[in-house]
Amino acid sequence: MEAMTIALRLGLVMAALMLGGCALAAEAREAEVIVNVNHSRFDPASFEFETGTTVRFVIHNGDPIDHEFLLGDEADQERHENGTHAEHGAIPGEVSLPAGSTQSTTYTFTEPGKLIIGCHLPAHFAYGMRADVTVTP
């Protein structure tokens, strides 16, 4: 009888662990989002994602000029606005977009809050080349 009780408890523990693992797997979210750049604007101009979502952004630059796709908070945008990096691509959420090209970048949203996608080539951000990102809990 004691062996049966131990086996039953062990079975319940294993089932709880397996269900917990399934719940954790369900928490992980992935998405692919198409972003179009036309007339120095991001389309769509706003996004909303849940915390924990990993997004692969596929960005089509339909303009005859180069652009950037730089995802970050206000401080990141300020750093890029005053920075001198000519090329992007090594950091998740940052990519250079040559005229007429399609590029991609992957970013995982780890905390709730507000982020911005911006282009900081001369005068682009001031012109309004930005998109708002809301990350919900």
N, C-alpha and C. Protein backbone atom coordinates (compact mmCIF):
# COMPACT_ATOMS: atom_id res chain seq x y z
N MET A 1 0.82 -1.19 0.00
CA MET A 1 0.00 0.00 0.00
C MET A 1 0.86 1.25 0.00
N GLU A 2 1.94 1.27 0.80
CA GLU A 2 2.83 2.43 0.87
C GLU A 2 3.52 2.65 -0.48
N ALA A 3 3.93 1.57 -1.15
CA ALA A 3 4.56 1.69 -2.46
C ALA A 3 3.58 2.28 -3.47
N MET A 4 2.31 1.91 -3.35
CA MET A 4 1.30 2.42 -4.27
C MET A 4 1.08 3.92 -4.02
N THR A 5 1.09 4.35 -2.76
CA THR A 5 0.92 5.76 -2.41
C THR A 5 2.10 6.57 -2.95
N ILE A 6 3.31 6.06 -2.80
CA ILE A 6 4.50 6.75 -3.31
C ILE A 6 4.43 6.84 -4.83
N ALA A 7 4.04 5.76 -5.49
CA ALA A 7 3.92 5.77 -6.95
C ALA A 7 2.86 6.77 -7.40
N LEU A 8 1.74 6.83 -6.69
CA LEU A 8 0.69 7.77 -7.02
C LEU A 8 1.17 9.21 -6.85
N ARG A 9 1.85 9.49 -5.75
CA ARG A 9 2.39 10.84 -5.51
C ARG A 9 3.42 11.21 -6.58
N LEU A 10 4.29 10.26 -6.90
CA LEU A 10 5.30 10.51 -7.92
C LEU A 10 4.64 10.80 -9.27
N GLY A 11 3.59 10.05 -9.58
CA GLY A 11 2.85 10.28 -10.82
C GLY A 11 2.20 11.65 -10.85
N LEU A 12 1.64 12.08 -9.73
CA LEU A 12 1.03 13.41 -9.65
C LEU A 12 2.07 14.51 -9.81
N VAL A 13 3.23 14.33 -9.18
CA VAL A 13 4.32 15.31 -9.31
C VAL A 13 4.77 15.39 -10.76
N MET A 14 4.95 14.24 -11.42
CA MET A 14 5.38 14.23 -12.82
C MET A 14 4.35 14.91 -13.71
N ALA A 15 3.07 14.63 -13.47
CA ALA A 15 2.02 15.26 -14.27
C ALA A 15 2.02 16.77 -14.06
N ALA A 16 2.20 17.23 -12.83
CA ALA A 16 2.24 18.66 -12.56
C ALA A 16 3.43 19.31 -13.25
N LEU A 17 4.58 18.65 -13.23
CA LEU A 17 5.76 19.19 -13.91
C LEU A 17 5.54 19.27 -15.41
N MET A 18 4.92 18.23 -15.97
CA MET A 18 4.67 18.23 -17.41
C MET A 18 3.69 19.33 -17.79
N LEU A 19 2.62 19.49 -17.01
CA LEU A 19 1.64 20.54 -17.30
C LEU A 19 2.27 21.91 -17.11
N GLY A 20 3.11 22.05 -16.10
CA GLY A 20 3.81 23.32 -15.90
C GLY A 20 4.70 23.63 -17.09
N GLY A 21 5.38 22.64 -17.62
CA GLY A 21 6.22 22.83 -18.80
C GLY A 21 5.41 23.24 -20.00
N CYS A 22 4.23 22.66 -20.14
CA CYS A 22 3.35 23.04 -21.26
C CYS A 22 2.89 24.48 -21.10
N ALA A 23 2.60 24.88 -19.85
CA ALA A 23 2.17 26.25 -19.62
C ALA A 23 3.30 27.21 -19.97
N LEU A 24 4.51 26.87 -19.59
CA LEU A 24 5.65 27.73 -19.92
C LEU A 24 5.85 27.80 -21.43
N ALA A 25 5.71 26.69 -22.12
CA ALA A 25 5.87 26.68 -23.57
C ALA A 25 4.79 27.54 -24.23
N ALA A 26 3.58 27.53 -23.66
CA ALA A 26 2.51 28.33 -24.21
C ALA A 26 2.78 29.82 -24.01
N GLU A 27 3.53 30.17 -22.95
CA GLU A 27 3.86 31.56 -22.67
C GLU A 27 4.76 32.16 -23.75
N ALA A 28 5.67 31.37 -24.30
CA ALA A 28 6.57 31.87 -25.33
C ALA A 28 5.77 32.16 -26.59
N ARG A 29 5.89 33.40 -27.09
CA ARG A 29 5.15 33.80 -28.27
C ARG A 29 6.12 34.28 -29.34
N GLU A 30 5.83 33.94 -30.57
CA GLU A 30 6.64 34.39 -31.69
C GLU A 30 5.71 34.95 -32.76
N ALA A 31 6.19 35.96 -33.47
CA ALA A 31 5.40 36.57 -34.51
C ALA A 31 6.32 37.08 -35.61
N GLU A 32 5.78 37.21 -36.80
CA GLU A 32 6.48 37.86 -37.89
C GLU A 32 5.62 39.02 -38.33
N VAL A 33 6.23 40.18 -38.46
CA VAL A 33 5.51 41.40 -38.80
C VAL A 33 6.15 42.01 -40.03
N ILE A 34 5.33 42.35 -41.00
CA ILE A 34 5.79 43.03 -42.21
C ILE A 34 5.68 44.54 -41.98
N VAL A 35 6.76 45.26 -42.24
CA VAL A 35 6.77 46.71 -42.14
C VAL A 35 7.17 47.27 -43.50
N ASN A 36 6.39 48.19 -43.99
CA ASN A 36 6.70 48.84 -45.26
C ASN A 36 7.19 50.26 -45.00
N VAL A 37 8.20 50.67 -45.74
CA VAL A 37 8.69 52.04 -45.68
C VAL A 37 8.38 52.68 -47.03
N ASN A 38 7.56 53.72 -46.97
CA ASN A 38 7.19 54.47 -48.17
C ASN A 38 7.09 55.94 -47.81
N HIS A 39 7.65 56.79 -48.64
CA HIS A 39 7.61 58.24 -48.42
C HIS A 39 8.15 58.60 -47.04
N SER A 40 9.23 57.93 -46.64
CA SER A 40 9.89 58.17 -45.34
C SER A 40 8.94 58.02 -44.16
N ARG A 41 8.12 56.98 -44.22
CA ARG A 41 7.19 56.65 -43.13
C ARG A 41 7.18 55.13 -42.94
N PHE A 42 7.01 54.70 -41.68
CA PHE A 42 6.83 53.29 -41.38
C PHE A 42 5.35 52.96 -41.46
N ASP A 43 5.02 51.85 -42.07
CA ASP A 43 3.63 51.40 -42.17
C ASP A 43 3.58 49.93 -41.79
N PRO A 44 2.94 49.60 -40.66
CA PRO A 44 2.13 50.46 -39.82
C PRO A 44 2.98 51.43 -38.99
N ALA A 45 2.30 52.44 -38.42
CA ALA A 45 2.97 53.47 -37.64
C ALA A 45 2.89 53.20 -36.15
N SER A 46 2.21 52.13 -35.76
CA SER A 46 2.16 51.75 -34.34
C SER A 46 2.00 50.23 -34.23
N PHE A 47 2.53 49.71 -33.13
CA PHE A 47 2.53 48.27 -32.88
C PHE A 47 2.20 48.03 -31.41
N GLU A 48 1.66 46.84 -31.14
CA GLU A 48 1.44 46.42 -29.76
C GLU A 48 1.78 44.95 -29.64
N PHE A 49 2.62 44.64 -28.64
CA PHE A 49 3.05 43.28 -28.39
C PHE A 49 2.97 42.99 -26.90
N GLU A 50 2.81 41.72 -26.56
CA GLU A 50 2.84 41.31 -25.17
C GLU A 50 4.27 41.05 -24.74
N THR A 51 4.56 41.32 -23.48
CA THR A 51 5.86 41.00 -22.92
C THR A 51 6.16 39.53 -23.16
N GLY A 52 7.38 39.22 -23.56
CA GLY A 52 7.78 37.85 -23.83
C GLY A 52 7.67 37.45 -25.29
N THR A 53 7.13 38.34 -26.12
CA THR A 53 6.97 38.02 -27.54
C THR A 53 8.27 38.28 -28.29
N THR A 54 8.66 37.33 -29.11
CA THR A 54 9.79 37.50 -30.01
C THR A 54 9.23 37.77 -31.40
N VAL A 55 9.64 38.90 -31.97
CA VAL A 55 9.10 39.33 -33.26
C VAL A 55 10.21 39.39 -34.29
N ARG A 56 9.94 38.81 -35.44
CA ARG A 56 10.83 38.96 -36.59
C ARG A 56 10.20 40.03 -37.46
N PHE A 57 10.84 41.19 -37.53
CA PHE A 57 10.38 42.28 -38.38
C PHE A 57 10.99 42.10 -39.76
N VAL A 58 10.16 42.07 -40.78
CA VAL A 58 10.60 42.02 -42.17
C VAL A 58 10.25 43.39 -42.75
N ILE A 59 11.29 44.16 -43.08
CA ILE A 59 11.09 45.55 -43.47
C ILE A 59 11.41 45.73 -44.95
N HIS A 60 10.43 46.24 -45.68
CA HIS A 60 10.58 46.51 -47.12
C HIS A 60 10.77 48.02 -47.30
N ASN A 61 11.91 48.43 -47.78
CA ASN A 61 12.15 49.85 -48.06
C ASN A 61 11.77 50.13 -49.51
N GLY A 62 10.59 50.67 -49.70
CA GLY A 62 10.11 50.98 -51.05
C GLY A 62 10.56 52.34 -51.55
N ASP A 63 11.32 53.04 -50.74
CA ASP A 63 11.80 54.37 -51.14
C ASP A 63 13.08 54.28 -51.97
N PRO A 64 13.35 55.31 -52.77
CA PRO A 64 14.59 55.34 -53.56
C PRO A 64 15.78 55.88 -52.76
N ILE A 65 15.61 56.01 -51.43
CA ILE A 65 16.70 56.46 -50.56
C ILE A 65 16.87 55.48 -49.40
N ASP A 66 18.02 55.51 -48.77
CA ASP A 66 18.32 54.63 -47.63
C ASP A 66 17.55 55.09 -46.39
N HIS A 67 17.32 54.11 -45.50
CA HIS A 67 16.68 54.38 -44.21
C HIS A 67 17.30 53.47 -43.16
N GLU A 68 16.82 53.64 -41.91
CA GLU A 68 17.20 52.78 -40.80
C GLU A 68 15.92 52.32 -40.09
N PHE A 69 16.03 51.20 -39.41
CA PHE A 69 14.97 50.68 -38.54
C PHE A 69 15.66 50.46 -37.20
N LEU A 70 15.43 51.38 -36.25
CA LEU A 70 16.12 51.34 -34.97
C LEU A 70 15.09 51.32 -33.85
N LEU A 71 14.98 50.19 -33.18
CA LEU A 71 13.99 49.97 -32.14
C LEU A 71 14.62 50.19 -30.77
N GLY A 72 14.01 51.05 -29.96
CA GLY A 72 14.52 51.28 -28.61
C GLY A 72 13.69 52.32 -27.89
N ASP A 73 14.11 52.63 -26.67
CA ASP A 73 13.39 53.63 -25.89
C ASP A 73 13.87 55.04 -26.26
N GLU A 74 13.36 56.04 -25.56
CA GLU A 74 13.72 57.43 -25.85
C GLU A 74 15.23 57.65 -25.79
N ALA A 75 15.88 57.06 -24.78
CA ALA A 75 17.33 57.22 -24.63
C ALA A 75 18.08 56.60 -25.81
N ASP A 76 17.63 55.44 -26.28
CA ASP A 76 18.24 54.82 -27.46
C ASP A 76 18.08 55.72 -28.69
N GLN A 77 16.88 56.29 -28.84
CA GLN A 77 16.63 57.15 -30.00
C GLN A 77 17.52 58.39 -29.95
N GLU A 78 17.67 58.96 -28.76
CA GLU A 78 18.54 60.13 -28.59
C GLU A 78 19.99 59.77 -28.93
N ARG A 79 20.43 58.61 -28.48
CA ARG A 79 21.80 58.15 -28.77
C ARG A 79 22.01 58.01 -30.28
N HIS A 80 21.03 57.44 -30.97
CA HIS A 80 21.14 57.28 -32.42
C HIS A 80 21.06 58.63 -33.14
N GLU A 81 20.22 59.52 -32.64
CA GLU A 81 20.07 60.83 -33.29
C GLU A 81 21.40 61.60 -33.25
N ASN A 82 22.16 61.41 -32.17
CA ASN A 82 23.44 62.10 -32.01
C ASN A 82 24.63 61.24 -32.38
N GLY A 83 24.39 60.02 -32.80
CA GLY A 83 25.48 59.09 -33.10
C GLY A 83 25.99 59.20 -34.52
N THR A 84 26.98 58.37 -34.79
CA THR A 84 27.62 58.43 -36.11
C THR A 84 27.74 57.05 -36.75
N HIS A 85 26.98 56.06 -36.28
CA HIS A 85 27.05 54.73 -36.87
C HIS A 85 26.45 54.75 -38.27
N ALA A 86 27.24 54.38 -39.24
CA ALA A 86 26.77 54.38 -40.62
C ALA A 86 26.00 53.11 -40.98
N GLU A 87 26.27 52.02 -40.30
CA GLU A 87 25.63 50.74 -40.59
C GLU A 87 25.08 50.11 -39.32
N HIS A 88 23.96 49.42 -39.45
CA HIS A 88 23.34 48.72 -38.33
C HIS A 88 23.00 47.30 -38.76
N GLY A 89 22.91 46.41 -37.79
CA GLY A 89 22.53 45.04 -38.11
C GLY A 89 23.02 44.04 -37.09
N ALA A 90 24.03 44.41 -36.29
CA ALA A 90 24.58 43.47 -35.33
C ALA A 90 23.76 43.41 -34.04
N ILE A 91 22.97 44.43 -33.76
CA ILE A 91 22.18 44.50 -32.53
C ILE A 91 20.72 44.18 -32.87
N PRO A 92 20.07 43.29 -32.09
CA PRO A 92 18.66 42.99 -32.35
C PRO A 92 17.82 44.27 -32.34
N GLY A 93 16.95 44.40 -33.33
CA GLY A 93 16.09 45.56 -33.42
C GLY A 93 16.71 46.73 -34.16
N GLU A 94 17.90 46.53 -34.71
CA GLU A 94 18.56 47.60 -35.45
C GLU A 94 19.04 47.07 -36.80
N VAL A 95 18.65 47.77 -37.87
CA VAL A 95 19.07 47.34 -39.20
C VAL A 95 19.09 48.54 -40.15
N SER A 96 20.08 48.55 -41.04
CA SER A 96 20.15 49.54 -42.11
C SER A 96 19.32 49.04 -43.28
N LEU A 97 18.67 49.98 -43.97
CA LEU A 97 17.76 49.64 -45.07
C LEU A 97 18.18 50.36 -46.35
N PRO A 98 19.05 49.75 -47.14
CA PRO A 98 19.39 50.39 -48.42
C PRO A 98 18.13 50.58 -49.27
N ALA A 99 18.17 51.58 -50.13
CA ALA A 99 17.03 51.88 -51.01
C ALA A 99 16.57 50.63 -51.74
N GLY A 100 15.25 50.40 -51.74
CA GLY A 100 14.67 49.28 -52.48
C GLY A 100 14.92 47.90 -51.90
N SER A 101 15.50 47.81 -50.71
CA SER A 101 15.86 46.50 -50.15
C SER A 101 14.81 45.98 -49.16
N THR A 102 14.93 44.70 -48.85
CA THR A 102 14.16 44.07 -47.79
C THR A 102 15.17 43.49 -46.80
N GLN A 103 15.03 43.89 -45.54
CA GLN A 103 15.92 43.43 -44.48
C GLN A 103 15.05 42.90 -43.34
N SER A 104 15.67 42.15 -42.42
CA SER A 104 14.92 41.68 -41.26
C SER A 104 15.77 41.79 -40.01
N THR A 105 15.09 41.86 -38.89
CA THR A 105 15.72 41.87 -37.59
C THR A 105 14.75 41.23 -36.61
N THR A 106 15.29 40.58 -35.60
CA THR A 106 14.45 39.91 -34.60
C THR A 106 14.69 40.56 -33.24
N TYR A 107 13.60 40.76 -32.51
CA TYR A 107 13.67 41.44 -31.22
C TYR A 107 12.71 40.76 -30.25
N THR A 108 13.16 40.54 -29.01
CA THR A 108 12.31 39.98 -27.96
C THR A 108 11.95 41.08 -26.98
N PHE A 109 10.65 41.26 -26.78
CA PHE A 109 10.15 42.29 -25.88
C PHE A 109 10.11 41.72 -24.47
N THR A 110 11.00 42.17 -23.60
CA THR A 110 11.17 41.57 -22.28
C THR A 110 10.47 42.33 -21.16
N GLU A 111 10.13 43.59 -21.39
CA GLU A 111 9.51 44.40 -20.34
C GLU A 111 8.37 45.23 -20.92
N PRO A 112 7.31 45.44 -20.12
CA PRO A 112 6.23 46.31 -20.60
C PRO A 112 6.71 47.76 -20.68
N GLY A 113 6.09 48.52 -21.55
CA GLY A 113 6.45 49.94 -21.67
C GLY A 113 6.27 50.45 -23.08
N LYS A 114 6.84 51.60 -23.33
CA LYS A 114 6.74 52.27 -24.63
C LYS A 114 8.12 52.28 -25.29
N LEU A 115 8.17 51.91 -26.55
CA LEU A 115 9.38 51.96 -27.35
C LEU A 115 9.09 52.71 -28.64
N ILE A 116 10.14 53.00 -29.38
CA ILE A 116 10.00 53.74 -30.63
C ILE A 116 10.85 53.04 -31.69
N ILE A 117 10.34 53.01 -32.90
CA ILE A 117 11.14 52.62 -34.06
C ILE A 117 11.44 53.93 -34.79
N GLY A 118 12.71 54.18 -35.05
CA GLY A 118 13.06 55.43 -35.70
C GLY A 118 14.10 55.26 -36.78
N CYS A 119 14.17 56.26 -37.65
CA CYS A 119 15.23 56.37 -38.64
C CYS A 119 15.98 57.66 -38.31
N HIS A 120 17.30 57.55 -38.16
CA HIS A 120 18.10 58.71 -37.75
C HIS A 120 19.09 59.16 -38.80
N LEU A 121 18.81 58.83 -40.05
CA LEU A 121 19.59 59.46 -41.11
C LEU A 121 19.24 60.95 -41.09
N PRO A 122 20.11 61.82 -41.59
CA PRO A 122 19.89 63.27 -41.43
C PRO A 122 18.48 63.73 -41.78
N ALA A 123 17.83 64.34 -40.78
CA ALA A 123 16.50 64.95 -40.86
C ALA A 123 15.34 63.97 -40.93
N HIS A 124 15.57 62.65 -40.98
CA HIS A 124 14.47 61.69 -41.11
C HIS A 124 13.60 61.64 -39.85
N PHE A 125 14.22 61.57 -38.68
CA PHE A 125 13.45 61.48 -37.43
C PHE A 125 12.66 62.77 -37.22
N ALA A 126 13.30 63.91 -37.46
CA ALA A 126 12.62 65.20 -37.32
C ALA A 126 11.46 65.31 -38.30
N TYR A 127 11.59 64.68 -39.46
CA TYR A 127 10.53 64.68 -40.46
C TYR A 127 9.33 63.85 -40.00
N GLY A 128 9.56 62.96 -39.04
CA GLY A 128 8.47 62.13 -38.52
C GLY A 128 8.61 60.66 -38.82
N MET A 129 9.82 60.24 -39.20
CA MET A 129 10.02 58.83 -39.52
C MET A 129 10.22 58.05 -38.23
N ARG A 130 9.08 57.67 -37.66
CA ARG A 130 9.06 56.94 -36.40
C ARG A 130 7.77 56.15 -36.30
N ALA A 131 7.79 55.12 -35.48
CA ALA A 131 6.59 54.33 -35.18
C ALA A 131 6.60 54.04 -33.69
N ASP A 132 5.43 54.01 -33.09
CA ASP A 132 5.31 53.77 -31.67
C ASP A 132 5.06 52.29 -31.39
N VAL A 133 5.70 51.78 -30.34
CA VAL A 133 5.55 50.38 -29.94
C VAL A 133 5.10 50.36 -28.47
N THR A 134 4.00 49.67 -28.21
CA THR A 134 3.52 49.49 -26.86
C THR A 134 3.72 48.02 -26.50
N VAL A 135 4.36 47.78 -25.36
CA VAL A 135 4.58 46.42 -24.87
C VAL A 135 3.73 46.26 -23.61
N THR A 136 2.76 45.34 -23.67
CA THR A 136 1.84 45.13 -22.56
C THR A 136 2.30 43.98 -21.67
N PRO A 137 1.90 44.02 -20.41
CA PRO A 137 2.29 42.93 -19.49
C PRO A 137 1.67 41.60 -19.87
